[in-house]
Every structure is written in structure tokens, then in C-alpha cells.
Amino acid sequence: MVIFENIEQAFPEADEIYVYREGQVIRCAQGGDEYDRIMAVWQSTLEECRQMPAFGVSLNDMTVKAMQKGVWIEFRYSGVCECQGMGFERLAVNVVGSFKGFNIVRYCDGLYEGRCYYVDLVRGDMSEVYNCLIRI
């Protein structure tokens, strides 16, 4: 198990990135051009971010349904990881350009279930990430 002190440290360790756009799924493997492009924009967006306590709790059925609409990014890991005592195998984020912060939904043991993480984007919003993902 890999343990991260802060959730933003986990993203560059993902083995794959999945992009969900209106129900369409695009897989980007680590080392590929699309993966690298997405990760560069993602990491730039997270500069100076703050991890904060989340009020959000994920319910699997609602999350799976929500991921069929809009734009989502999912970071997938080859094993179980942990941050703040919460385990995950995947991390999913609803990407809305105007968001200045976002919940991170954890997937573990086959479900998007339980407490979330929250990240406050101190410097800006998610517009660059959104624009990048709709062009993949």
C-alpha cells in the first residue's frame, strides 16, 4: 500500500487516466502523449492548492449515474493507496470549468462509496483542465 501525506501527491502516481465525457470513456495510459498532456495541465492547476476537510460523501449509484453526464477525470492505480486514513484504488473528479475547488470521490472495493477529499484551488479554477479534457 502506498500512503500519501497530501492527496495532490497521489495524482502523478496514477497508472492510467480515464476521461468521461457525456458517457463516452477515453483511456490514457501512463507514458502516452494524452496522459502527459492531461497530467501537465492538472498539476499546473493544482499549484498552491489546499487540501481541506470535505463535507461530501459518495453513494455509488449516484456517482456512477453522475459520471454519465458532463466531464469527469478518473485517476486509476495498480493497487490500494491511502491518504488521511482513507483508502482508494481510483480517484474521480467532476470537472467544471468555473469550479474553484472540487470533491475527489474515492473508489475502493468495487464502489465509489464513502467520504471524499476536497481541494481548494487557491490560484484559479478548473477551466484549463476542462478545456484540455474536451479536446482529448
N, C-alpha and C. Protein backbone atom coordinates (compact mmCIF):
# COMPACT_ATOMS: atom_id res chain seq x y z
N MET A 1 0.84 -1.19 0.00
CA MET A 1 0.00 0.00 0.00
C MET A 1 0.88 1.25 0.00
N VAL A 2 0.53 2.18 -0.86
CA VAL A 2 1.23 3.46 -0.92
C VAL A 2 0.43 4.46 -0.10
N ILE A 3 1.11 5.17 0.79
CA ILE A 3 0.45 6.16 1.64
C ILE A 3 0.95 7.55 1.25
N PHE A 4 -0.01 8.45 0.99
CA PHE A 4 0.32 9.82 0.62
C PHE A 4 -0.05 10.76 1.77
N GLU A 5 0.82 11.71 2.04
CA GLU A 5 0.56 12.69 3.08
C GLU A 5 -0.54 13.67 2.64
N ASN A 6 -0.47 14.10 1.36
CA ASN A 6 -1.45 15.01 0.79
C ASN A 6 -1.99 14.39 -0.49
N ILE A 7 -3.26 14.58 -0.75
CA ILE A 7 -3.89 13.92 -1.89
C ILE A 7 -3.29 14.37 -3.23
N GLU A 8 -2.83 15.60 -3.32
CA GLU A 8 -2.28 16.05 -4.60
C GLU A 8 -1.00 15.28 -4.98
N GLN A 9 -0.35 14.66 -4.01
CA GLN A 9 0.83 13.83 -4.29
C GLN A 9 0.45 12.54 -5.02
N ALA A 10 -0.80 12.11 -4.91
CA ALA A 10 -1.24 10.84 -5.49
C ALA A 10 -1.43 10.92 -7.01
N PHE A 11 -1.83 12.07 -7.52
CA PHE A 11 -2.20 12.16 -8.93
C PHE A 11 -1.09 11.75 -9.90
N PRO A 12 0.15 12.24 -9.75
CA PRO A 12 1.18 11.86 -10.71
C PRO A 12 1.58 10.38 -10.62
N GLU A 13 1.11 9.68 -9.60
CA GLU A 13 1.43 8.27 -9.44
C GLU A 13 0.40 7.35 -10.10
N ALA A 14 -0.64 7.92 -10.70
CA ALA A 14 -1.69 7.12 -11.34
C ALA A 14 -1.12 6.35 -12.53
N ASP A 15 -1.56 5.11 -12.67
CA ASP A 15 -1.13 4.28 -13.80
C ASP A 15 -1.90 4.62 -15.07
N GLU A 16 -3.13 5.06 -14.90
CA GLU A 16 -3.99 5.41 -16.04
C GLU A 16 -4.88 6.58 -15.65
N ILE A 17 -5.29 7.31 -16.68
CA ILE A 17 -6.30 8.35 -16.51
C ILE A 17 -7.45 7.99 -17.44
N TYR A 18 -8.64 8.04 -16.91
CA TYR A 18 -9.84 7.85 -17.72
C TYR A 18 -10.56 9.18 -17.78
N VAL A 19 -10.96 9.57 -18.98
CA VAL A 19 -11.74 10.79 -19.19
C VAL A 19 -13.15 10.37 -19.57
N TYR A 20 -14.13 10.91 -18.87
CA TYR A 20 -15.54 10.64 -19.13
C TYR A 20 -16.16 11.92 -19.67
N ARG A 21 -16.73 11.83 -20.87
CA ARG A 21 -17.40 12.98 -21.48
C ARG A 21 -18.76 12.54 -21.96
N GLU A 22 -19.80 13.01 -21.27
CA GLU A 22 -21.18 12.67 -21.64
C GLU A 22 -21.34 11.17 -21.90
N GLY A 23 -20.76 10.36 -21.03
CA GLY A 23 -20.89 8.91 -21.12
C GLY A 23 -19.84 8.22 -21.96
N GLN A 24 -19.09 8.97 -22.76
CA GLN A 24 -18.00 8.40 -23.57
C GLN A 24 -16.77 8.29 -22.67
N VAL A 25 -16.05 7.15 -22.76
CA VAL A 25 -14.88 6.92 -21.92
C VAL A 25 -13.63 6.85 -22.79
N ILE A 26 -12.60 7.59 -22.39
CA ILE A 26 -11.32 7.60 -23.09
C ILE A 26 -10.24 7.20 -22.09
N ARG A 27 -9.49 6.16 -22.40
CA ARG A 27 -8.43 5.66 -21.53
C ARG A 27 -7.08 6.21 -21.99
N CYS A 28 -6.32 6.73 -21.03
CA CYS A 28 -4.99 7.28 -21.32
C CYS A 28 -3.98 6.60 -20.40
N ALA A 29 -3.07 5.84 -20.99
CA ALA A 29 -2.07 5.09 -20.22
C ALA A 29 -0.88 5.97 -19.87
N GLN A 30 -0.31 5.71 -18.71
CA GLN A 30 0.88 6.43 -18.27
C GLN A 30 1.97 6.31 -19.33
N GLY A 31 2.62 7.43 -19.63
CA GLY A 31 3.68 7.45 -20.64
C GLY A 31 3.19 7.85 -22.02
N GLY A 32 1.86 7.86 -22.22
CA GLY A 32 1.31 8.28 -23.51
C GLY A 32 1.21 9.80 -23.60
N ASP A 33 1.13 10.30 -24.83
CA ASP A 33 1.05 11.75 -25.04
C ASP A 33 -0.16 12.38 -24.35
N GLU A 34 -1.33 11.74 -24.47
CA GLU A 34 -2.54 12.31 -23.86
C GLU A 34 -2.42 12.32 -22.34
N TYR A 35 -1.91 11.25 -21.77
CA TYR A 35 -1.71 11.18 -20.32
C TYR A 35 -0.80 12.33 -19.88
N ASP A 36 0.31 12.48 -20.58
CA ASP A 36 1.29 13.52 -20.21
C ASP A 36 0.69 14.92 -20.34
N ARG A 37 -0.09 15.15 -21.39
CA ARG A 37 -0.72 16.46 -21.60
C ARG A 37 -1.72 16.75 -20.48
N ILE A 38 -2.55 15.76 -20.17
CA ILE A 38 -3.54 15.93 -19.10
C ILE A 38 -2.84 16.19 -17.77
N MET A 39 -1.83 15.38 -17.47
CA MET A 39 -1.15 15.49 -16.18
C MET A 39 -0.47 16.85 -16.04
N ALA A 40 0.12 17.36 -17.10
CA ALA A 40 0.77 18.67 -17.04
C ALA A 40 -0.23 19.77 -16.70
N VAL A 41 -1.39 19.74 -17.35
CA VAL A 41 -2.42 20.75 -17.07
C VAL A 41 -2.98 20.56 -15.66
N TRP A 42 -3.21 19.30 -15.27
CA TRP A 42 -3.74 19.00 -13.94
C TRP A 42 -2.79 19.51 -12.86
N GLN A 43 -1.51 19.20 -12.99
CA GLN A 43 -0.53 19.61 -11.99
C GLN A 43 -0.40 21.14 -11.93
N SER A 44 -0.46 21.78 -13.07
CA SER A 44 -0.41 23.24 -13.11
C SER A 44 -1.61 23.85 -12.37
N THR A 45 -2.77 23.26 -12.57
CA THR A 45 -3.99 23.73 -11.90
C THR A 45 -3.89 23.57 -10.39
N LEU A 46 -3.21 22.52 -9.95
CA LEU A 46 -3.12 22.24 -8.51
C LEU A 46 -2.01 23.00 -7.79
N GLU A 47 -1.22 23.79 -8.53
CA GLU A 47 -0.17 24.56 -7.86
C GLU A 47 -0.78 25.42 -6.77
N GLU A 48 -0.17 25.37 -5.61
CA GLU A 48 -0.60 26.15 -4.45
C GLU A 48 -2.00 25.78 -3.95
N CYS A 49 -2.51 24.61 -4.31
CA CYS A 49 -3.84 24.21 -3.84
C CYS A 49 -3.78 23.86 -2.35
N ARG A 50 -4.96 23.78 -1.75
CA ARG A 50 -5.08 23.41 -0.35
C ARG A 50 -6.03 22.25 -0.22
N GLN A 51 -5.58 21.18 0.42
CA GLN A 51 -6.49 20.10 0.76
C GLN A 51 -7.23 20.51 2.03
N MET A 52 -8.54 20.35 1.99
CA MET A 52 -9.36 20.77 3.11
C MET A 52 -10.32 19.64 3.49
N PRO A 53 -10.92 19.73 4.67
CA PRO A 53 -11.91 18.71 5.03
C PRO A 53 -13.08 18.76 4.05
N ALA A 54 -13.54 17.60 3.65
CA ALA A 54 -14.67 17.53 2.71
C ALA A 54 -15.95 17.24 3.48
N PHE A 55 -17.03 17.85 3.02
CA PHE A 55 -18.34 17.54 3.58
C PHE A 55 -19.03 16.48 2.74
N GLY A 56 -18.49 16.22 1.56
CA GLY A 56 -19.11 15.28 0.63
C GLY A 56 -18.90 13.83 1.00
N VAL A 57 -19.95 13.04 0.76
CA VAL A 57 -19.91 11.59 0.91
C VAL A 57 -20.47 11.02 -0.38
N SER A 58 -19.77 10.06 -0.94
CA SER A 58 -20.20 9.46 -2.20
C SER A 58 -21.10 8.25 -1.94
N LEU A 59 -22.15 8.16 -2.74
CA LEU A 59 -23.01 6.99 -2.79
C LEU A 59 -22.82 6.39 -4.18
N ASN A 60 -22.44 5.13 -4.27
CA ASN A 60 -22.03 4.53 -5.52
C ASN A 60 -23.02 4.74 -6.65
N ASP A 61 -24.29 4.42 -6.45
CA ASP A 61 -25.27 4.54 -7.53
C ASP A 61 -25.38 5.96 -8.06
N MET A 62 -25.37 6.92 -7.15
CA MET A 62 -25.47 8.33 -7.57
C MET A 62 -24.22 8.77 -8.32
N THR A 63 -23.05 8.32 -7.88
CA THR A 63 -21.80 8.71 -8.53
C THR A 63 -21.70 8.10 -9.92
N VAL A 64 -22.01 6.82 -10.05
CA VAL A 64 -21.95 6.16 -11.35
C VAL A 64 -22.90 6.85 -12.34
N LYS A 65 -24.07 7.20 -11.87
CA LYS A 65 -25.04 7.91 -12.73
C LYS A 65 -24.52 9.29 -13.10
N ALA A 66 -23.96 10.01 -12.14
CA ALA A 66 -23.44 11.36 -12.39
C ALA A 66 -22.30 11.34 -13.40
N MET A 67 -21.50 10.28 -13.40
CA MET A 67 -20.35 10.21 -14.30
C MET A 67 -20.76 10.01 -15.76
N GLN A 68 -22.04 9.76 -16.01
CA GLN A 68 -22.54 9.63 -17.38
C GLN A 68 -22.85 10.98 -18.01
N LYS A 69 -22.80 12.04 -17.21
CA LYS A 69 -23.09 13.39 -17.70
C LYS A 69 -21.91 14.30 -17.39
N GLY A 70 -21.71 15.27 -18.25
CA GLY A 70 -20.64 16.23 -18.02
C GLY A 70 -19.28 15.63 -18.29
N VAL A 71 -18.27 16.25 -17.68
CA VAL A 71 -16.88 15.84 -17.86
C VAL A 71 -16.32 15.41 -16.51
N TRP A 72 -15.73 14.25 -16.49
CA TRP A 72 -15.10 13.69 -15.30
C TRP A 72 -13.70 13.22 -15.66
N ILE A 73 -12.82 13.23 -14.67
CA ILE A 73 -11.49 12.63 -14.82
C ILE A 73 -11.34 11.62 -13.69
N GLU A 74 -10.75 10.49 -14.03
CA GLU A 74 -10.55 9.44 -13.03
C GLU A 74 -9.10 8.98 -13.10
N PHE A 75 -8.45 8.96 -11.96
CA PHE A 75 -7.07 8.51 -11.84
C PHE A 75 -7.11 7.09 -11.27
N ARG A 76 -6.50 6.14 -11.98
CA ARG A 76 -6.53 4.74 -11.57
C ARG A 76 -5.14 4.28 -11.14
N TYR A 77 -5.12 3.47 -10.09
CA TYR A 77 -3.87 2.99 -9.50
C TYR A 77 -3.83 1.47 -9.56
N SER A 78 -2.63 0.91 -9.59
CA SER A 78 -2.47 -0.55 -9.72
C SER A 78 -2.74 -1.28 -8.41
N GLY A 79 -2.78 -0.56 -7.31
CA GLY A 79 -3.06 -1.17 -6.01
C GLY A 79 -3.80 -0.19 -5.13
N VAL A 80 -3.96 -0.57 -3.89
CA VAL A 80 -4.65 0.29 -2.92
C VAL A 80 -3.67 1.35 -2.41
N CYS A 81 -4.14 2.58 -2.39
CA CYS A 81 -3.38 3.71 -1.86
C CYS A 81 -4.16 4.28 -0.68
N GLU A 82 -3.52 5.17 0.06
CA GLU A 82 -4.19 5.76 1.22
C GLU A 82 -3.72 7.19 1.43
N CYS A 83 -4.65 8.03 1.87
CA CYS A 83 -4.35 9.39 2.30
C CYS A 83 -5.34 9.75 3.40
N GLN A 84 -4.86 10.31 4.46
CA GLN A 84 -5.68 10.70 5.62
C GLN A 84 -6.51 9.53 6.14
N GLY A 85 -5.93 8.35 6.14
CA GLY A 85 -6.59 7.17 6.68
C GLY A 85 -7.69 6.61 5.80
N MET A 86 -7.84 7.13 4.57
CA MET A 86 -8.89 6.66 3.66
C MET A 86 -8.24 6.01 2.45
N GLY A 87 -8.62 4.78 2.17
CA GLY A 87 -8.06 4.03 1.07
C GLY A 87 -8.76 4.31 -0.25
N PHE A 88 -8.03 4.06 -1.35
CA PHE A 88 -8.61 4.22 -2.68
C PHE A 88 -7.80 3.43 -3.70
N GLU A 89 -8.50 3.03 -4.76
CA GLU A 89 -7.88 2.42 -5.93
C GLU A 89 -8.03 3.33 -7.15
N ARG A 90 -9.00 4.23 -7.04
CA ARG A 90 -9.27 5.23 -8.08
C ARG A 90 -9.71 6.52 -7.39
N LEU A 91 -9.48 7.63 -8.08
CA LEU A 91 -9.96 8.94 -7.62
C LEU A 91 -10.68 9.60 -8.79
N ALA A 92 -11.91 10.04 -8.58
CA ALA A 92 -12.71 10.65 -9.65
C ALA A 92 -13.09 12.07 -9.27
N VAL A 93 -13.08 12.95 -10.29
CA VAL A 93 -13.41 14.36 -10.08
C VAL A 93 -14.33 14.83 -11.19
N ASN A 94 -15.41 15.49 -10.82
CA ASN A 94 -16.29 16.15 -11.79
C ASN A 94 -15.61 17.46 -12.17
N VAL A 95 -15.32 17.63 -13.46
CA VAL A 95 -14.57 18.79 -13.93
C VAL A 95 -15.54 19.81 -14.52
N VAL A 96 -15.67 20.92 -13.83
CA VAL A 96 -16.49 22.04 -14.30
C VAL A 96 -15.56 23.25 -14.34
N GLY A 97 -15.47 23.87 -15.50
CA GLY A 97 -14.50 24.94 -15.71
C GLY A 97 -14.51 26.04 -14.67
N SER A 98 -15.67 26.42 -14.19
CA SER A 98 -15.77 27.54 -13.26
C SER A 98 -15.51 27.15 -11.80
N PHE A 99 -15.37 25.86 -11.51
CA PHE A 99 -15.13 25.42 -10.13
C PHE A 99 -13.77 25.92 -9.64
N LYS A 100 -13.77 26.48 -8.44
CA LYS A 100 -12.55 26.95 -7.80
C LYS A 100 -12.09 25.97 -6.71
N GLY A 101 -12.76 24.85 -6.66
CA GLY A 101 -12.44 23.76 -5.75
C GLY A 101 -13.29 22.57 -6.15
N PHE A 102 -12.96 21.40 -5.64
CA PHE A 102 -13.71 20.21 -6.06
C PHE A 102 -13.57 19.08 -5.05
N ASN A 103 -14.61 18.23 -5.04
CA ASN A 103 -14.57 16.99 -4.29
C ASN A 103 -13.84 15.94 -5.10
N ILE A 104 -13.15 15.07 -4.41
CA ILE A 104 -12.49 13.92 -5.03
C ILE A 104 -13.16 12.68 -4.47
N VAL A 105 -13.80 11.94 -5.35
CA VAL A 105 -14.54 10.75 -4.96
C VAL A 105 -13.60 9.55 -4.97
N ARG A 106 -13.64 8.77 -3.90
CA ARG A 106 -12.77 7.59 -3.77
C ARG A 106 -13.50 6.33 -4.24
N TYR A 107 -12.77 5.50 -4.96
CA TYR A 107 -13.28 4.19 -5.38
C TYR A 107 -12.42 3.15 -4.68
N CYS A 108 -13.06 2.24 -3.96
CA CYS A 108 -12.34 1.19 -3.27
C CYS A 108 -13.27 -0.01 -3.11
N ASP A 109 -12.73 -1.19 -3.22
CA ASP A 109 -13.51 -2.42 -3.07
C ASP A 109 -14.71 -2.46 -4.02
N GLY A 110 -14.53 -1.95 -5.22
CA GLY A 110 -15.57 -2.05 -6.24
C GLY A 110 -16.67 -1.01 -6.18
N LEU A 111 -16.52 0.00 -5.32
CA LEU A 111 -17.57 1.02 -5.17
C LEU A 111 -17.00 2.43 -5.02
N TYR A 112 -17.74 3.41 -5.53
CA TYR A 112 -17.49 4.82 -5.23
C TYR A 112 -18.30 5.13 -3.99
N GLU A 113 -17.77 4.84 -2.85
CA GLU A 113 -18.56 4.88 -1.64
C GLU A 113 -17.75 5.51 -0.51
N GLY A 114 -18.38 6.38 0.27
CA GLY A 114 -17.74 6.90 1.47
C GLY A 114 -17.29 8.34 1.36
N ARG A 115 -16.51 8.72 2.36
CA ARG A 115 -16.03 10.10 2.46
C ARG A 115 -15.19 10.49 1.26
N CYS A 116 -15.22 11.78 0.95
CA CYS A 116 -14.46 12.35 -0.17
C CYS A 116 -13.31 13.18 0.38
N TYR A 117 -12.44 13.58 -0.51
CA TYR A 117 -11.44 14.60 -0.24
C TYR A 117 -11.96 15.90 -0.87
N TYR A 118 -11.42 17.03 -0.44
CA TYR A 118 -11.77 18.30 -1.07
C TYR A 118 -10.49 19.09 -1.30
N VAL A 119 -10.40 19.72 -2.47
CA VAL A 119 -9.25 20.55 -2.82
C VAL A 119 -9.74 21.95 -3.19
N ASP A 120 -9.15 22.95 -2.56
CA ASP A 120 -9.42 24.36 -2.86
C ASP A 120 -8.32 24.84 -3.80
N LEU A 121 -8.72 25.33 -4.97
CA LEU A 121 -7.76 25.86 -5.94
C LEU A 121 -7.50 27.32 -5.60
N VAL A 122 -6.47 27.56 -4.91
CA VAL A 122 -6.17 28.89 -4.40
C VAL A 122 -5.99 29.90 -5.53
N ARG A 123 -5.35 29.49 -6.62
CA ARG A 123 -4.97 30.44 -7.68
C ARG A 123 -5.98 30.63 -8.79
N GLY A 124 -6.93 29.74 -8.94
CA GLY A 124 -7.80 29.89 -10.10
C GLY A 124 -8.95 28.91 -10.10
N ASP A 125 -9.24 28.40 -11.30
CA ASP A 125 -10.37 27.50 -11.46
C ASP A 125 -9.96 26.31 -12.33
N MET A 126 -10.94 25.51 -12.72
CA MET A 126 -10.66 24.28 -13.47
C MET A 126 -10.80 24.46 -14.98
N SER A 127 -10.85 25.69 -15.47
CA SER A 127 -11.11 25.93 -16.89
C SER A 127 -10.05 25.31 -17.80
N GLU A 128 -8.79 25.37 -17.44
CA GLU A 128 -7.75 24.78 -18.29
C GLU A 128 -7.87 23.26 -18.35
N VAL A 129 -8.19 22.64 -17.22
CA VAL A 129 -8.38 21.19 -17.19
C VAL A 129 -9.58 20.82 -18.06
N TYR A 130 -10.67 21.55 -17.88
CA TYR A 130 -11.88 21.29 -18.67
C TYR A 130 -11.59 21.40 -20.17
N ASN A 131 -10.94 22.47 -20.57
CA ASN A 131 -10.62 22.68 -21.98
C ASN A 131 -9.71 21.59 -22.53
N CYS A 132 -8.78 21.14 -21.73
CA CYS A 132 -7.88 20.06 -22.13
C CYS A 132 -8.67 18.76 -22.34
N LEU A 133 -9.56 18.43 -21.41
CA LEU A 133 -10.29 17.16 -21.47
C LEU A 133 -11.30 17.10 -22.60
N ILE A 134 -11.89 18.23 -22.96
CA ILE A 134 -12.87 18.18 -24.05
C ILE A 134 -12.18 18.08 -25.41
N ARG A 135 -10.86 18.29 -25.43
CA ARG A 135 -10.10 18.18 -26.69
C ARG A 135 -9.41 16.83 -26.86
N ILE A 136 -9.46 15.99 -25.86
CA ILE A 136 -8.81 14.66 -25.93
C ILE A 136 -9.62 13.76 -26.85
